[in-house]
Amino acid sequence: MKHVLMALGVTILGAASLLSPLATSASETQSNDLHDKTVVLVHGAFADGSSWSKVIPLLEARGLHVVAVQNPLSSLEDDAAATKHAIEQAPGQVVLVGHSWGGVVITQAGNDKKVSALVYVAAFAPASGQSISDMLQGLPAPAWASQLQKDSGNFLTLPAALVHSDFAQDVTPQEADLIAVTQGPWAARCQTDKVSEAAWKTRPSWFVVTEKDHMIAPALQEKMATAIGAHVVRTNASHVAMVSQPRVVADAIIQAAEQAR
C-alpha cells in the first residue's frame, strides 16, 4: 500500500507540473481531500447492500471510505440500529446515503453527531412523526402495489416480472434478474413506522430525483426534495439509478462530501 501511495503521489505531482498556477485553485485542492470522510450507503426495500456495487468503486477512487449497510428490513428501529452501528465504526465524518426506504432510515439515524450530510436517492424523506403511509395518504396507489407478494410473516417481495417492468426497467435483463434474486423481503410494518426526529432539519441534504421512476413518482420526489431544502440532481433513470446511472449517483455523493464540513 505504501508503494501504491508513493506512486500515486508522483503521478499527481507530475500532472500538476504541467498546469499553470491558476489552473489549480484552493477549492479544487480542498475538494480532492476526502480521505477523512466515510460514505455509509443504506439500501432500500427489496434490495441488499450489493445494490451499490457500481457506485462503491467510484467513491473509493476519490479517496472516500465506504460502508454498505446490510439492513434486516424488519422495522425502522432495526434498520436504523444497523445504520447507527455503521456510523459508529466509520472513520471521520459521515455522508449518509439512502435509497428508497433507506431514505426513511437515514432520516431517523442521521442525527448522529458524526453525520455531516444526507443524500437521498429516489428515496422517501419523511418529516418528524411521519411514516411512508402518512406521506402517501390521499395519493392514488401505484399499479405495482397490488402485485406485491406477502408471506406468513408479513414480509413483502416483488415478483420478478415486476422488477423488470417497474423497479429496474432501464438495466439489462441479466441485471434485473440478479436484482430479483437477491432482493431482501421487506416487513409490511415498515410502511407505518414513524420517524421520531428528522435529521434533514439540521443537516445539508442532496436528492437524486429519478425521472423514469415507477415506484416513487418523480413528482413526489420533487415535492420531498423541496420540502427538505435539498440540492437536487435529476437523472433520466428508473428507481435503481445506482445501477443504471451510477456515475450520476456517485457524483451527487461526492459533491455532498466536498461541500459538507
Protein backbone atom coordinates (compact mmCIF):
# COMPACT_ATOMS: atom_id res chain seq x y z
CA MET A 1 0.00 0.00 0.00
CA LYS A 2 2.90 2.36 0.83
CA HIS A 3 4.38 1.87 -2.64
CA VAL A 4 0.99 2.44 -4.25
CA LEU A 5 0.53 5.70 -2.35
CA MET A 6 4.05 6.87 -3.29
CA ALA A 7 3.40 6.09 -6.94
CA LEU A 8 0.11 7.93 -6.79
CA GLY A 9 1.84 10.96 -5.26
CA VAL A 10 4.44 11.00 -8.05
CA THR A 11 1.69 10.80 -10.66
CA ILE A 12 -0.22 13.69 -9.12
CA LEU A 13 2.91 15.84 -8.80
CA GLY A 14 3.87 15.09 -12.37
CA ALA A 15 0.45 16.09 -13.63
CA ALA A 16 0.47 19.25 -11.52
CA SER A 17 3.75 20.38 -13.09
CA LEU A 18 2.01 20.58 -16.45
CA LEU A 19 -0.60 23.01 -15.19
CA SER A 20 -0.34 26.74 -14.78
CA PRO A 21 -0.56 28.10 -11.20
CA LEU A 22 -4.03 29.41 -11.94
CA ALA A 23 -5.32 26.01 -13.00
CA THR A 24 -5.27 24.53 -9.50
CA SER A 25 -7.47 26.58 -7.20
CA ALA A 26 -7.74 26.30 -3.44
CA SER A 27 -11.27 24.98 -3.81
CA GLU A 28 -10.10 22.18 -6.10
CA THR A 29 -7.38 21.21 -3.64
CA GLN A 30 -9.91 21.13 -0.81
CA SER A 31 -12.44 19.12 -2.83
CA ASN A 32 -9.86 16.43 -3.57
CA ASP A 33 -9.14 15.90 0.13
CA LEU A 34 -11.83 13.38 1.00
CA HIS A 35 -9.80 10.74 2.81
CA ASP A 36 -11.16 11.89 6.17
CA LYS A 37 -14.78 11.09 5.28
CA THR A 38 -16.81 7.91 5.14
CA VAL A 39 -19.85 7.29 2.96
CA VAL A 40 -22.40 5.00 4.60
CA LEU A 41 -24.77 3.53 1.99
CA VAL A 42 -28.21 2.37 3.11
CA HIS A 43 -30.17 0.19 0.70
CA GLY A 44 -33.92 0.25 0.30
CA ALA A 45 -36.74 -2.26 0.36
CA PHE A 46 -36.47 -5.32 -1.90
CA ALA A 47 -32.68 -4.92 -2.03
CA ASP A 48 -29.42 -5.52 -0.20
CA GLY A 49 -26.03 -3.86 0.05
CA SER A 50 -24.95 -5.21 -3.34
CA SER A 51 -27.25 -2.67 -4.99
CA TRP A 52 -24.43 -0.13 -4.52
CA SER A 53 -21.78 -2.27 -6.24
CA LYS A 54 -21.34 0.11 -9.20
CA VAL A 55 -21.21 3.24 -7.03
CA ILE A 56 -18.72 1.98 -4.44
CA PRO A 57 -15.60 1.90 -6.68
CA LEU A 58 -16.37 5.40 -7.99
CA LEU A 59 -16.43 6.73 -4.43
CA GLU A 60 -13.32 4.83 -3.40
CA ALA A 61 -11.48 6.23 -6.43
CA ARG A 62 -11.91 9.68 -4.83
CA GLY A 63 -10.36 8.50 -1.57
CA LEU A 64 -13.61 8.11 0.36
CA HIS A 65 -14.06 5.29 2.85
CA VAL A 66 -17.25 3.37 2.02
CA VAL A 67 -19.51 1.09 4.06
CA ALA A 68 -22.64 -0.58 2.69
CA VAL A 69 -25.12 -1.43 5.44
CA GLN A 70 -26.99 -4.72 5.31
CA ASN A 71 -30.40 -3.79 6.65
CA PRO A 72 -32.60 -6.54 8.12
CA LEU A 73 -35.62 -4.73 6.58
CA SER A 74 -37.66 -5.80 9.59
CA SER A 75 -38.58 -2.39 11.07
CA LEU A 76 -37.44 1.21 11.13
CA GLU A 77 -35.96 0.63 14.58
CA ASP A 78 -33.95 -2.40 13.41
CA ASP A 79 -32.70 -0.79 10.21
CA ALA A 80 -31.79 2.46 11.97
CA ALA A 81 -29.86 0.43 14.56
CA ALA A 82 -27.88 -1.35 11.84
CA THR A 83 -27.11 2.01 10.25
CA LYS A 84 -26.07 3.55 13.57
CA HIS A 85 -23.61 0.69 14.11
CA ALA A 86 -22.01 1.50 10.74
CA ILE A 87 -21.85 5.22 11.58
CA GLU A 88 -20.23 4.49 14.95
CA GLN A 89 -17.49 2.38 13.35
CA ALA A 90 -16.87 4.74 10.43
CA PRO A 91 -13.69 6.84 10.45
CA GLY A 92 -14.15 10.61 10.24
CA GLN A 93 -17.25 12.50 9.21
CA VAL A 94 -20.07 10.54 7.59
CA VAL A 95 -22.06 11.25 4.45
CA LEU A 96 -25.19 9.16 4.94
CA VAL A 97 -26.90 7.93 1.76
CA GLY A 98 -30.29 6.24 1.50
CA HIS A 99 -32.15 4.70 -1.42
CA SER A 100 -35.95 4.32 -1.41
CA TRP A 101 -36.97 3.02 2.05
CA GLY A 102 -33.38 3.77 3.04
CA GLY A 103 -34.35 7.44 2.96
CA VAL A 104 -36.60 6.86 5.97
CA VAL A 105 -33.76 5.04 7.69
CA ILE A 106 -31.22 7.84 7.19
CA THR A 107 -33.81 10.41 8.27
CA GLN A 108 -34.06 8.54 11.57
CA ALA A 109 -30.41 7.53 12.01
CA GLY A 110 -28.80 10.68 10.63
CA ASN A 111 -28.99 12.70 13.83
CA ASP A 112 -25.68 11.23 14.95
CA LYS A 113 -23.08 13.97 15.51
CA LYS A 114 -20.71 12.29 13.03
CA VAL A 115 -23.16 12.74 10.13
CA SER A 116 -22.32 15.86 8.11
CA ALA A 117 -24.67 15.41 5.12
CA LEU A 118 -27.56 13.32 3.83
CA VAL A 119 -28.09 12.08 0.28
CA TYR A 120 -31.49 10.77 -0.79
CA VAL A 121 -31.53 8.61 -3.93
CA ALA A 122 -35.08 8.13 -5.24
CA ALA A 123 -35.96 7.98 -1.57
CA PHE A 124 -38.61 8.84 0.96
CA ALA A 125 -37.77 11.86 3.13
CA PRO A 126 -40.41 12.00 5.88
CA ALA A 127 -40.82 14.75 8.43
CA SER A 128 -40.73 14.16 12.17
CA GLY A 129 -43.66 11.97 13.20
CA GLN A 130 -44.31 10.79 9.63
CA SER A 131 -44.36 7.34 8.07
CA ILE A 132 -44.44 6.29 4.42
CA SER A 133 -48.17 5.64 4.75
CA ASP A 134 -48.66 9.18 6.05
CA MET A 135 -46.77 10.61 3.08
CA LEU A 136 -48.81 8.60 0.57
CA GLN A 137 -52.19 9.30 2.14
CA GLY A 138 -54.63 10.66 -0.41
CA LEU A 139 -52.46 9.72 -3.38
CA PRO A 140 -53.56 7.04 -5.86
CA ALA A 141 -51.95 3.67 -5.21
CA PRO A 142 -49.37 2.74 -7.86
CA ALA A 143 -50.28 -0.16 -10.13
CA TRP A 144 -47.43 -2.32 -8.82
CA ALA A 145 -48.70 -2.19 -5.21
CA SER A 146 -51.39 -4.80 -5.84
CA GLN A 147 -48.80 -7.24 -7.22
CA LEU A 148 -46.63 -7.46 -4.09
CA GLN A 149 -46.28 -10.93 -2.62
CA LYS A 150 -46.76 -11.31 1.16
CA ASP A 151 -45.62 -14.29 3.22
CA SER A 152 -46.96 -15.61 6.53
CA GLY A 153 -44.64 -13.27 8.46
CA ASN A 154 -46.00 -10.19 6.65
CA PHE A 155 -42.83 -9.69 4.62
CA LEU A 156 -43.23 -8.35 1.10
CA THR A 157 -41.35 -9.26 -2.08
CA LEU A 158 -41.52 -8.15 -5.70
CA PRO A 159 -42.35 -10.68 -8.43
CA ALA A 160 -39.52 -10.97 -10.96
CA ALA A 161 -41.74 -9.64 -13.75
CA LEU A 162 -42.40 -6.51 -11.71
CA VAL A 163 -38.68 -5.96 -11.17
CA HIS A 164 -38.23 -5.96 -14.96
CA SER A 165 -41.22 -3.73 -15.72
CA ASP A 166 -41.30 -1.18 -12.88
CA PHE A 167 -38.41 -1.49 -10.43
CA ALA A 168 -35.41 -1.72 -12.73
CA GLN A 169 -36.75 -1.29 -16.26
CA ASP A 170 -33.64 0.50 -17.58
CA VAL A 171 -31.00 -2.09 -16.70
CA THR A 172 -30.05 -5.19 -18.66
CA PRO A 173 -32.29 -8.26 -18.32
CA GLN A 174 -29.42 -10.05 -16.59
CA GLU A 175 -29.07 -7.24 -14.04
CA ALA A 176 -32.82 -7.20 -13.43
CA ASP A 177 -32.76 -10.96 -12.87
CA LEU A 178 -29.98 -10.54 -10.32
CA ILE A 179 -31.90 -7.79 -8.52
CA ALA A 180 -34.97 -10.03 -8.32
CA VAL A 181 -33.00 -12.99 -7.00
CA THR A 182 -31.03 -11.05 -4.36
CA GLN A 183 -33.87 -8.86 -3.09
CA GLY A 184 -34.45 -8.66 0.62
CA PRO A 185 -38.03 -9.23 1.81
CA TRP A 186 -39.40 -6.06 3.40
CA ALA A 187 -41.61 -6.10 6.50
CA ALA A 188 -45.03 -4.61 5.76
CA ARG A 189 -44.94 -2.80 9.12
CA CYS A 190 -42.16 -0.55 7.79
CA GLN A 191 -44.80 1.39 5.86
CA THR A 192 -46.33 2.66 9.11
CA ASP A 193 -43.20 3.06 11.26
CA LYS A 194 -42.76 6.75 12.05
CA VAL A 195 -39.62 8.86 12.17
CA SER A 196 -39.08 10.43 15.58
CA GLU A 197 -36.84 13.40 14.65
CA ALA A 198 -35.98 14.14 11.02
CA ALA A 199 -32.21 14.53 10.56
CA TRP A 200 -32.57 16.70 7.44
CA LYS A 201 -33.71 19.57 9.68
CA THR A 202 -30.16 20.06 10.92
CA ARG A 203 -28.02 18.69 8.07
CA PRO A 204 -27.48 19.72 4.46
CA SER A 205 -29.20 17.35 2.07
CA TRP A 206 -28.93 16.24 -1.53
CA PHE A 207 -31.66 14.50 -3.52
CA VAL A 208 -31.24 12.44 -6.70
CA VAL A 209 -34.62 12.57 -8.47
CA THR A 210 -35.20 9.66 -10.86
CA GLU A 211 -37.37 10.88 -13.69
CA LYS A 212 -38.36 7.42 -15.04
CA ASP A 213 -39.28 6.07 -11.62
CA HIS A 214 -42.35 3.81 -11.48
CA MET A 215 -42.00 3.06 -7.76
CA ILE A 216 -41.88 6.55 -6.21
CA ALA A 217 -43.43 9.12 -8.54
CA PRO A 218 -40.93 11.75 -9.73
CA ALA A 219 -43.42 14.49 -8.77
CA LEU A 220 -43.48 13.18 -5.19
CA GLN A 221 -39.68 13.06 -5.15
CA GLU A 222 -39.55 16.68 -6.29
CA LYS A 223 -42.04 17.64 -3.58
CA MET A 224 -39.99 15.94 -0.87
CA ALA A 225 -36.74 17.46 -2.13
CA THR A 226 -38.28 20.93 -1.97
CA ALA A 227 -39.72 20.30 1.50
CA ILE A 228 -36.32 19.39 2.96
CA GLY A 229 -34.44 22.12 1.08
CA ALA A 230 -32.20 19.64 -0.73
CA HIS A 231 -29.71 20.25 -3.50
CA VAL A 232 -31.43 18.46 -6.39
CA VAL A 233 -29.81 16.30 -9.06
CA ARG A 234 -32.08 14.88 -11.74
CA THR A 235 -31.41 11.84 -13.87
CA ASN A 236 -33.38 10.05 -16.58
CA ALA A 237 -33.36 6.77 -14.67
CA SER A 238 -35.58 4.14 -13.13
CA HIS A 239 -35.91 3.59 -9.39
CA VAL A 240 -32.49 1.92 -9.29
CA ALA A 241 -30.37 4.84 -10.51
CA MET A 242 -27.37 3.50 -8.58
CA VAL A 243 -27.40 0.54 -11.01
CA SER A 244 -28.39 2.25 -14.26
CA GLN A 245 -26.73 5.65 -13.65
CA PRO A 246 -24.00 5.01 -11.06
CA ARG A 247 -21.86 7.97 -12.13
CA VAL A 248 -24.70 10.44 -11.54
CA VAL A 249 -25.35 8.99 -8.09
CA ALA A 250 -21.65 8.89 -7.19
CA ASP A 251 -21.14 12.49 -8.32
CA ALA A 252 -24.01 13.66 -6.09
CA ILE A 253 -22.48 11.84 -3.11
CA ILE A 254 -19.02 13.26 -3.87
CA GLN A 255 -20.50 16.75 -4.10
CA ALA A 256 -22.05 16.30 -0.67
CA ALA A 257 -18.72 15.08 0.74
CA GLU A 258 -16.89 18.05 -0.76
CA GLN A 259 -19.32 20.69 0.44
CA ALA A 260 -20.35 19.38 3.86
CA ARG A 261 -17.92 20.33 6.61
